[in-house]
Amino acid sequence: MDSEKTSRLKRPVNSMPGFARNALLEGNLMDRYHARPPYQQNDYIGWISRAKLQKTQIERLKQMLEELKQGDKYMKMN
């Protein structure tokens, strides 16, 4: 996380890990990711990155990818 960058909400902006970037590119979901509001992009990446176990990071990444594919959910909310 780069503490010098902030969103419009003055939250710290989370840097996207390489494995998440690769998954978005491989799934052709980068455009859908960037179509989300900045706070959602930041929340997803922070949520994935904060997981202590790699297994949990992967589970969270899969949830984000599925929600982007479906297009009607954000963090399991409509």
PDB file of N, CA and C in Angstrom:
ATOM      1  N   MET A   1       0.851  -1.173   0.000  1.00  0.00           N
ATOM      2  CA  MET A   1       0.000   0.000   0.000  1.00  0.00           C
ATOM      3  C   MET A   1       0.892   1.229   0.000  1.00  0.00           C
ATOM      4  N   ASP A   2       0.592   2.165  -0.860  1.00  0.00           N
ATOM      5  CA  ASP A   2       1.352   3.403  -0.935  1.00  0.00           C
ATOM      6  C   ASP A   2       0.601   4.462  -0.159  1.00  0.00           C
ATOM      7  N   SER A   3       1.107   4.795   1.022  1.00  0.00           N
ATOM      8  CA  SER A   3       0.390   5.708   1.906  1.00  0.00           C
ATOM      9  C   SER A   3       0.365   7.145   1.398  1.00  0.00           C
ATOM     10  N   GLU A   4       1.181   7.474   0.400  1.00  0.00           N
ATOM     11  CA  GLU A   4       1.181   8.841  -0.111  1.00  0.00           C
ATOM     12  C   GLU A   4       0.066   9.071  -1.121  1.00  0.00           C
ATOM     13  N   LYS A   5      -0.469   8.011  -1.688  1.00  0.00           N
ATOM     14  CA  LYS A   5      -1.573   8.142  -2.628  1.00  0.00           C
ATOM     15  C   LYS A   5      -2.870   8.018  -1.852  1.00  0.00           C
ATOM     16  N   THR A   6      -3.863   8.821  -2.240  1.00  0.00           N
ATOM     17  CA  THR A   6      -5.168   8.730  -1.597  1.00  0.00           C
ATOM     18  C   THR A   6      -6.252   8.816  -2.652  1.00  0.00           C
ATOM     19  N   SER A   7      -7.415   8.268  -2.342  1.00  0.00           N
ATOM     20  CA  SER A   7      -8.567   8.386  -3.217  1.00  0.00           C
ATOM     21  C   SER A   7      -9.249   9.711  -2.927  1.00  0.00           C
ATOM     22  N   ARG A   8     -10.332   9.966  -3.635  1.00  0.00           N
ATOM     23  CA  ARG A   8     -11.094  11.186  -3.363  1.00  0.00           C
ATOM     24  C   ARG A   8     -11.664  11.164  -1.951  1.00  0.00           C
ATOM     25  N   LEU A   9     -11.806   9.970  -1.374  1.00  0.00           N
ATOM     26  CA  LEU A   9     -12.320   9.843  -0.015  1.00  0.00           C
ATOM     27  C   LEU A   9     -11.206   9.941   1.015  1.00  0.00           C
ATOM     28  N   LYS A  10     -10.011  10.194   0.574  1.00  0.00           N
ATOM     29  CA  LYS A  10      -8.833  10.330   1.431  1.00  0.00           C
ATOM     30  C   LYS A  10      -8.443   9.008   2.095  1.00  0.00           C
ATOM     31  N   ARG A  11      -8.860   7.909   1.483  1.00  0.00           N
ATOM     32  CA  ARG A  11      -8.410   6.599   1.941  1.00  0.00           C
ATOM     33  C   ARG A  11      -7.068   6.301   1.301  1.00  0.00           C
ATOM     34  N   PRO A  12      -6.233   5.524   1.967  1.00  0.00           N
ATOM     35  CA  PRO A  12      -5.003   5.092   1.296  1.00  0.00           C
ATOM     36  C   PRO A  12      -5.362   4.251   0.069  1.00  0.00           C
ATOM     37  N   VAL A  13      -4.612   4.451  -1.006  1.00  0.00           N
ATOM     38  CA  VAL A  13      -4.831   3.694  -2.239  1.00  0.00           C
ATOM     39  C   VAL A  13      -3.977   2.436  -2.177  1.00  0.00           C
ATOM     40  N   ASN A  14      -4.629   1.295  -2.371  1.00  0.00           N
ATOM     41  CA  ASN A  14      -3.939   0.010  -2.335  1.00  0.00           C
ATOM     42  C   ASN A  14      -3.317  -0.311  -3.686  1.00  0.00           C
ATOM     43  N   SER A  15      -2.075  -0.738  -3.664  1.00  0.00           N
ATOM     44  CA  SER A  15      -1.397  -1.150  -4.887  1.00  0.00           C
ATOM     45  C   SER A  15      -1.849  -2.545  -5.264  1.00  0.00           C
ATOM     46  N   MET A  16      -2.107  -2.741  -6.558  1.00  0.00           N
ATOM     47  CA  MET A  16      -2.577  -4.038  -7.018  1.00  0.00           C
ATOM     48  C   MET A  16      -1.430  -5.036  -7.076  1.00  0.00           C
ATOM     49  N   PRO A  17      -1.580  -6.184  -6.398  1.00  0.00           N
ATOM     50  CA  PRO A  17      -0.538  -7.211  -6.498  1.00  0.00           C
ATOM     51  C   PRO A  17      -0.502  -7.808  -7.902  1.00  0.00           C
ATOM     52  N   GLY A  18       0.654  -8.271  -8.296  1.00  0.00           N
ATOM     53  CA  GLY A  18       0.836  -8.829  -9.629  1.00  0.00           C
ATOM     54  C   GLY A  18      -0.092  -9.985  -9.934  1.00  0.00           C
ATOM     55  N   PHE A  19      -0.336 -10.855  -8.946  1.00  0.00           N
ATOM     56  CA  PHE A  19      -1.203 -12.008  -9.203  1.00  0.00           C
ATOM     57  C   PHE A  19      -2.636 -11.571  -9.502  1.00  0.00           C
ATOM     58  N   ALA A  20      -3.079 -10.469  -8.902  1.00  0.00           N
ATOM     59  CA  ALA A  20      -4.424  -9.964  -9.175  1.00  0.00           C
ATOM     60  C   ALA A  20      -4.475  -9.344 -10.570  1.00  0.00           C
ATOM     61  N   ARG A  21      -3.453  -8.586 -10.903  1.00  0.00           N
ATOM     62  CA  ARG A  21      -3.381  -7.979 -12.247  1.00  0.00           C
ATOM     63  C   ARG A  21      -3.390  -9.067 -13.318  1.00  0.00           C
ATOM     64  N   ASN A  22      -2.586 -10.095 -13.106  1.00  0.00           N
ATOM     65  CA  ASN A  22      -2.519 -11.193 -14.074  1.00  0.00           C
ATOM     66  C   ASN A  22      -3.867 -11.886 -14.219  1.00  0.00           C
ATOM     67  N   ALA A  23      -4.553 -12.118 -13.104  1.00  0.00           N
ATOM     68  CA  ALA A  23      -5.859 -12.784 -13.160  1.00  0.00           C
ATOM     69  C   ALA A  23      -6.880 -11.928 -13.912  1.00  0.00           C
ATOM     70  N   LEU A  24      -6.854 -10.624 -13.689  1.00  0.00           N
ATOM     71  CA  LEU A  24      -7.772  -9.735 -14.407  1.00  0.00           C
ATOM     72  C   LEU A  24      -7.477  -9.745 -15.906  1.00  0.00           C
ATOM     73  N   LEU A  25      -6.209  -9.719 -16.270  1.00  0.00           N
ATOM     74  CA  LEU A  25      -5.829  -9.737 -17.678  1.00  0.00           C
ATOM     75  C   LEU A  25      -6.174 -11.073 -18.323  1.00  0.00           C
ATOM     76  N   GLU A  26      -5.846 -12.162 -17.648  1.00  0.00           N
ATOM     77  CA  GLU A  26      -6.115 -13.492 -18.195  1.00  0.00           C
ATOM     78  C   GLU A  26      -7.610 -13.749 -18.353  1.00  0.00           C
ATOM     79  N   GLY A  27      -8.404 -13.194 -17.450  1.00  0.00           N
ATOM     80  CA  GLY A  27      -9.854 -13.362 -17.516  1.00  0.00           C
ATOM     81  C   GLY A  27     -10.553 -12.321 -18.370  1.00  0.00           C
ATOM     82  N   ASN A  28      -9.783 -11.442 -19.017  1.00  0.00           N
ATOM     83  CA  ASN A  28     -10.339 -10.348 -19.824  1.00  0.00           C
ATOM     84  C   ASN A  28     -11.330  -9.509 -19.015  1.00  0.00           C
ATOM     85  N   LEU A  29     -10.964  -9.250 -17.759  1.00  0.00           N
ATOM     86  CA  LEU A  29     -11.849  -8.511 -16.860  1.00  0.00           C
ATOM     87  C   LEU A  29     -11.304  -7.148 -16.437  1.00  0.00           C
ATOM     88  N   MET A  30     -10.177  -6.750 -16.986  1.00  0.00           N
ATOM     89  CA  MET A  30      -9.582  -5.476 -16.578  1.00  0.00           C
ATOM     90  C   MET A  30     -10.508  -4.303 -16.893  1.00  0.00           C
ATOM     91  N   ASP A  31     -11.175  -4.338 -18.046  1.00  0.00           N
ATOM     92  CA  ASP A  31     -12.098  -3.244 -18.387  1.00  0.00           C
ATOM     93  C   ASP A  31     -13.256  -3.181 -17.404  1.00  0.00           C
ATOM     94  N   ARG A  32     -13.766  -4.338 -17.011  1.00  0.00           N
ATOM     95  CA  ARG A  32     -14.868  -4.358 -16.040  1.00  0.00           C
ATOM     96  C   ARG A  32     -14.390  -3.868 -14.677  1.00  0.00           C
ATOM     97  N   TYR A  33     -13.168  -4.218 -14.323  1.00  0.00           N
ATOM     98  CA  TYR A  33     -12.588  -3.735 -13.067  1.00  0.00           C
ATOM     99  C   TYR A  33     -12.497  -2.208 -13.098  1.00  0.00           C
ATOM    100  N   HIS A  34     -11.970  -1.662 -14.189  1.00  0.00           N
ATOM    101  CA  HIS A  34     -11.810  -0.203 -14.294  1.00  0.00           C
ATOM    102  C   HIS A  34     -13.137   0.528 -14.467  1.00  0.00           C
ATOM    103  N   ALA A  35     -14.191  -0.194 -14.846  1.00  0.00           N
ATOM    104  CA  ALA A  35     -15.511   0.431 -14.963  1.00  0.00           C
ATOM    105  C   ALA A  35     -16.153   0.639 -13.588  1.00  0.00           C
ATOM    106  N   ARG A  36     -15.639  -0.062 -12.584  1.00  0.00           N
ATOM    107  CA  ARG A  36     -16.156   0.101 -11.222  1.00  0.00           C
ATOM    108  C   ARG A  36     -15.678   1.435 -10.652  1.00  0.00           C
ATOM    109  N   PRO A  37     -16.427   1.997  -9.710  1.00  0.00           N
ATOM    110  CA  PRO A  37     -15.979   3.241  -9.072  1.00  0.00           C
ATOM    111  C   PRO A  37     -14.630   3.025  -8.376  1.00  0.00           C
ATOM    112  N   PRO A  38     -13.822   4.064  -8.300  1.00  0.00           N
ATOM    113  CA  PRO A  38     -12.496   3.922  -7.673  1.00  0.00           C
ATOM    114  C   PRO A  38     -12.536   3.326  -6.269  1.00  0.00           C
ATOM    115  N   TYR A  39     -13.553   3.674  -5.467  1.00  0.00           N
ATOM    116  CA  TYR A  39     -13.584   3.127  -4.112  1.00  0.00           C
ATOM    117  C   TYR A  39     -13.783   1.609  -4.140  1.00  0.00           C
ATOM    118  N   GLN A  40     -14.543   1.105  -5.111  1.00  0.00           N
ATOM    119  CA  GLN A  40     -14.736  -0.343  -5.203  1.00  0.00           C
ATOM    120  C   GLN A  40     -13.443  -1.029  -5.636  1.00  0.00           C
ATOM    121  N   GLN A  41     -12.755  -0.448  -6.597  1.00  0.00           N
ATOM    122  CA  GLN A  41     -11.467  -1.008  -7.029  1.00  0.00           C
ATOM    123  C   GLN A  41     -10.518  -1.087  -5.835  1.00  0.00           C
ATOM    124  N   ASN A  42     -10.421  -0.002  -5.112  1.00  0.00           N
ATOM    125  CA  ASN A  42      -9.518   0.086  -3.967  1.00  0.00           C
ATOM    126  C   ASN A  42      -9.919  -0.887  -2.855  1.00  0.00           C
ATOM    127  N   ASP A  43     -11.216  -0.970  -2.596  1.00  0.00           N
ATOM    128  CA  ASP A  43     -11.698  -1.884  -1.554  1.00  0.00           C
ATOM    129  C   ASP A  43     -11.402  -3.332  -1.909  1.00  0.00           C
ATOM    130  N   TYR A  44     -11.654  -3.711  -3.145  1.00  0.00           N
ATOM    131  CA  TYR A  44     -11.360  -5.083  -3.567  1.00  0.00           C
ATOM    132  C   TYR A  44      -9.881  -5.414  -3.339  1.00  0.00           C
ATOM    133  N   ILE A  45      -8.992  -4.549  -3.818  1.00  0.00           N
ATOM    134  CA  ILE A  45      -7.555  -4.832  -3.730  1.00  0.00           C
ATOM    135  C   ILE A  45      -7.093  -4.845  -2.278  1.00  0.00           C
ATOM    136  N   GLY A  46      -7.580  -3.914  -1.481  1.00  0.00           N
ATOM    137  CA  GLY A  46      -7.216  -3.906  -0.065  1.00  0.00           C
ATOM    138  C   GLY A  46      -7.695  -5.154   0.648  1.00  0.00           C
ATOM    139  N   TRP A  47      -8.918  -5.564   0.354  1.00  0.00           N
ATOM    140  CA  TRP A  47      -9.512  -6.755   0.965  1.00  0.00           C
ATOM    141  C   TRP A  47      -8.716  -8.006   0.605  1.00  0.00           C
ATOM    142  N   ILE A  48      -8.329  -8.120  -0.650  1.00  0.00           N
ATOM    143  CA  ILE A  48      -7.527  -9.265  -1.096  1.00  0.00           C
ATOM    144  C   ILE A  48      -6.147  -9.217  -0.448  1.00  0.00           C
ATOM    145  N   SER A  49      -5.513  -8.073  -0.454  1.00  0.00           N
ATOM    146  CA  SER A  49      -4.141  -7.930   0.043  1.00  0.00           C
ATOM    147  C   SER A  49      -4.025  -8.121   1.547  1.00  0.00           C
ATOM    148  N   ARG A  50      -5.060  -7.771   2.286  1.00  0.00           N
ATOM    149  CA  ARG A  50      -5.005  -7.895   3.743  1.00  0.00           C
ATOM    150  C   ARG A  50      -5.120  -9.328   4.252  1.00  0.00           C
ATOM    151  N   ALA A  51      -5.537 -10.240   3.406  1.00  0.00           N
ATOM    152  CA  ALA A  51      -5.646 -11.639   3.840  1.00  0.00           C
ATOM    153  C   ALA A  51      -4.255 -12.155   4.199  1.00  0.00           C
ATOM    154  N   LYS A  52      -4.138 -12.800   5.332  1.00  0.00           N
ATOM    155  CA  LYS A  52      -2.834 -13.283   5.791  1.00  0.00           C
ATOM    156  C   LYS A  52      -2.404 -14.545   5.068  1.00  0.00           C
ATOM    157  N   LEU A  53      -3.354 -15.398   4.750  1.00  0.00           N
ATOM    158  CA  LEU A  53      -3.026 -16.653   4.084  1.00  0.00           C
ATOM    159  C   LEU A  53      -3.207 -16.528   2.573  1.00  0.00           C
ATOM    160  N   GLN A  54      -2.294 -17.133   1.840  1.00  0.00           N
ATOM    161  CA  GLN A  54      -2.393 -17.103   0.382  1.00  0.00           C
ATOM    162  C   GLN A  54      -3.707 -17.745  -0.081  1.00  0.00           C
ATOM    163  N   LYS A  55      -4.124 -18.800   0.597  1.00  0.00           N
ATOM    164  CA  LYS A  55      -5.380 -19.471   0.262  1.00  0.00           C
ATOM    165  C   LYS A  55      -6.543 -18.486   0.341  1.00  0.00           C
ATOM    166  N   THR A  56      -6.557 -17.668   1.373  1.00  0.00           N
ATOM    167  CA  THR A  56      -7.625 -16.682   1.542  1.00  0.00           C
ATOM    168  C   THR A  56      -7.533 -15.606   0.469  1.00  0.00           C
ATOM    169  N   GLN A  57      -6.323 -15.185   0.123  1.00  0.00           N
ATOM    170  CA  GLN A  57      -6.163 -14.200  -0.949  1.00  0.00           C
ATOM    171  C   GLN A  57      -6.753 -14.736  -2.250  1.00  0.00           C
ATOM    172  N   ILE A  58      -6.478 -16.002  -2.551  1.00  0.00           N
ATOM    173  CA  ILE A  58      -6.973 -16.610  -3.782  1.00  0.00           C
ATOM    174  C   ILE A  58      -8.504 -16.718  -3.753  1.00  0.00           C
ATOM    175  N   GLU A  59      -9.074 -17.096  -2.617  1.00  0.00           N
ATOM    176  CA  GLU A  59     -10.536 -17.172  -2.490  1.00  0.00           C
ATOM    177  C   GLU A  59     -11.167 -15.804  -2.714  1.00  0.00           C
ATOM    178  N   ARG A  60     -10.570 -14.785  -2.140  1.00  0.00           N
ATOM    179  CA  ARG A  60     -11.098 -13.425  -2.304  1.00  0.00           C
ATOM    180  C   ARG A  60     -10.941 -12.960  -3.752  1.00  0.00           C
ATOM    181  N   LEU A  61      -9.809 -13.280  -4.359  1.00  0.00           N
ATOM    182  CA  LEU A  61      -9.592 -12.927  -5.760  1.00  0.00           C
ATOM    183  C   LEU A  61     -10.656 -13.587  -6.633  1.00  0.00           C
ATOM    184  N   LYS A  62     -10.930 -14.862  -6.382  1.00  0.00           N
ATOM    185  CA  LYS A  62     -11.953 -15.573  -7.160  1.00  0.00           C
ATOM    186  C   LYS A  62     -13.318 -14.916  -6.996  1.00  0.00           C
ATOM    187  N   GLN A  63     -13.637 -14.483  -5.787  1.00  0.00           N
ATOM    188  CA  GLN A  63     -14.912 -13.798  -5.574  1.00  0.00           C
ATOM    189  C   GLN A  63     -14.964 -12.512  -6.380  1.00  0.00           C
ATOM    190  N   MET A  64     -13.896 -11.722  -6.347  1.00  0.00           N
ATOM    191  CA  MET A  64     -13.876 -10.477  -7.114  1.00  0.00           C
ATOM    192  C   MET A  64     -14.063 -10.771  -8.604  1.00  0.00           C
ATOM    193  N   LEU A  65     -13.338 -11.755  -9.120  1.00  0.00           N
ATOM    194  CA  LEU A  65     -13.429 -12.077 -10.548  1.00  0.00           C
ATOM    195  C   LEU A  65     -14.843 -12.506 -10.921  1.00  0.00           C
ATOM    196  N   GLU A  66     -15.458 -13.320 -10.090  1.00  0.00           N
ATOM    197  CA  GLU A  66     -16.819 -13.778 -10.361  1.00  0.00           C
ATOM    198  C   GLU A  66     -17.799 -12.608 -10.325  1.00  0.00           C
ATOM    199  N   GLU A  67     -17.641 -11.720  -9.367  1.00  0.00           N
ATOM    200  CA  GLU A  67     -18.525 -10.556  -9.283  1.00  0.00           C
ATOM    201  C   GLU A  67     -18.342  -9.641 -10.481  1.00  0.00           C
ATOM    202  N   LEU A  68     -17.123  -9.506 -10.963  1.00  0.00           N
ATOM    203  CA  LEU A  68     -16.890  -8.704 -12.159  1.00  0.00           C
ATOM    204  C   LEU A  68     -17.513  -9.355 -13.387  1.00  0.00           C
ATOM    205  N   LYS A  69     -17.425 -10.683 -13.480  1.00  0.00           N
ATOM    206  CA  LYS A  69     -18.049 -11.401 -14.604  1.00  0.00           C
ATOM    207  C   LYS A  69     -19.555 -11.206 -14.593  1.00  0.00           C
ATOM    208  N   GLN A  70     -20.165 -11.356 -13.409  1.00  0.00           N
ATOM    209  CA  GLN A  70     -21.615 -11.225 -13.300  1.00  0.00           C
ATOM    210  C   GLN A  70     -22.058  -9.782 -13.485  1.00  0.00           C
ATOM    211  N   GLY A  71     -21.269  -8.869 -12.957  1.00  0.00           N
ATOM    212  CA  GLY A  71     -21.522  -7.453 -13.133  1.00  0.00           C
ATOM    213  C   GLY A  71     -22.596  -6.842 -12.247  1.00  0.00           C
ATOM    214  N   ASP A  72     -23.246  -7.658 -11.421  1.00  0.00           N
ATOM    215  CA  ASP A  72     -24.340  -7.115 -10.620  1.00  0.00           C
ATOM    216  C   ASP A  72     -24.093  -7.200  -9.127  1.00  0.00           C
ATOM    217  N   LYS A  73     -22.891  -7.533  -8.733  1.00  0.00           N
ATOM    218  CA  LYS A  73     -22.570  -7.669  -7.311  1.00  0.00           C
ATOM    219  C   LYS A  73     -21.287  -6.913  -6.990  1.00  0.00           C
ATOM    220  N   TYR A  74     -21.221  -6.482  -5.731  1.00  0.00           N
ATOM    221  CA  TYR A  74     -20.010  -5.885  -5.182  1.00  0.00           C
ATOM    222  C   TYR A  74     -19.918  -6.365  -3.740  1.00  0.00           C
ATOM    223  N   MET A  75     -18.914  -7.146  -3.442  1.00  0.00           N
ATOM    224  CA  MET A  75     -18.710  -7.688  -2.101  1.00  0.00           C
ATOM    225  C   MET A  75     -19.975  -8.417  -1.623  1.00  0.00           C
ATOM    226  N   LYS A  76     -20.526  -9.214  -2.504  1.00  0.00           N
ATOM    227  CA  LYS A  76     -21.743 -10.018  -2.275  1.00  0.00           C
ATOM    228  C   LYS A  76     -23.012  -9.192  -2.115  1.00  0.00           C
ATOM    229  N   MET A  77     -22.954  -7.903  -2.430  1.00  0.00           N
ATOM    230  CA  MET A  77     -24.141  -7.042  -2.349  1.00  0.00           C
ATOM    231  C   MET A  77     -24.602  -6.686  -3.759  1.00  0.00           C
ATOM    232  N   ASN A  78     -25.907  -6.538  -3.928  1.00  0.00           N
ATOM    233  CA  ASN A  78     -26.439  -6.117  -5.233  1.00  0.00           C
ATOM    234  C   ASN A  78     -26.148  -4.659  -5.474  1.00  0.00           C
TER     235      ASN A  78
END
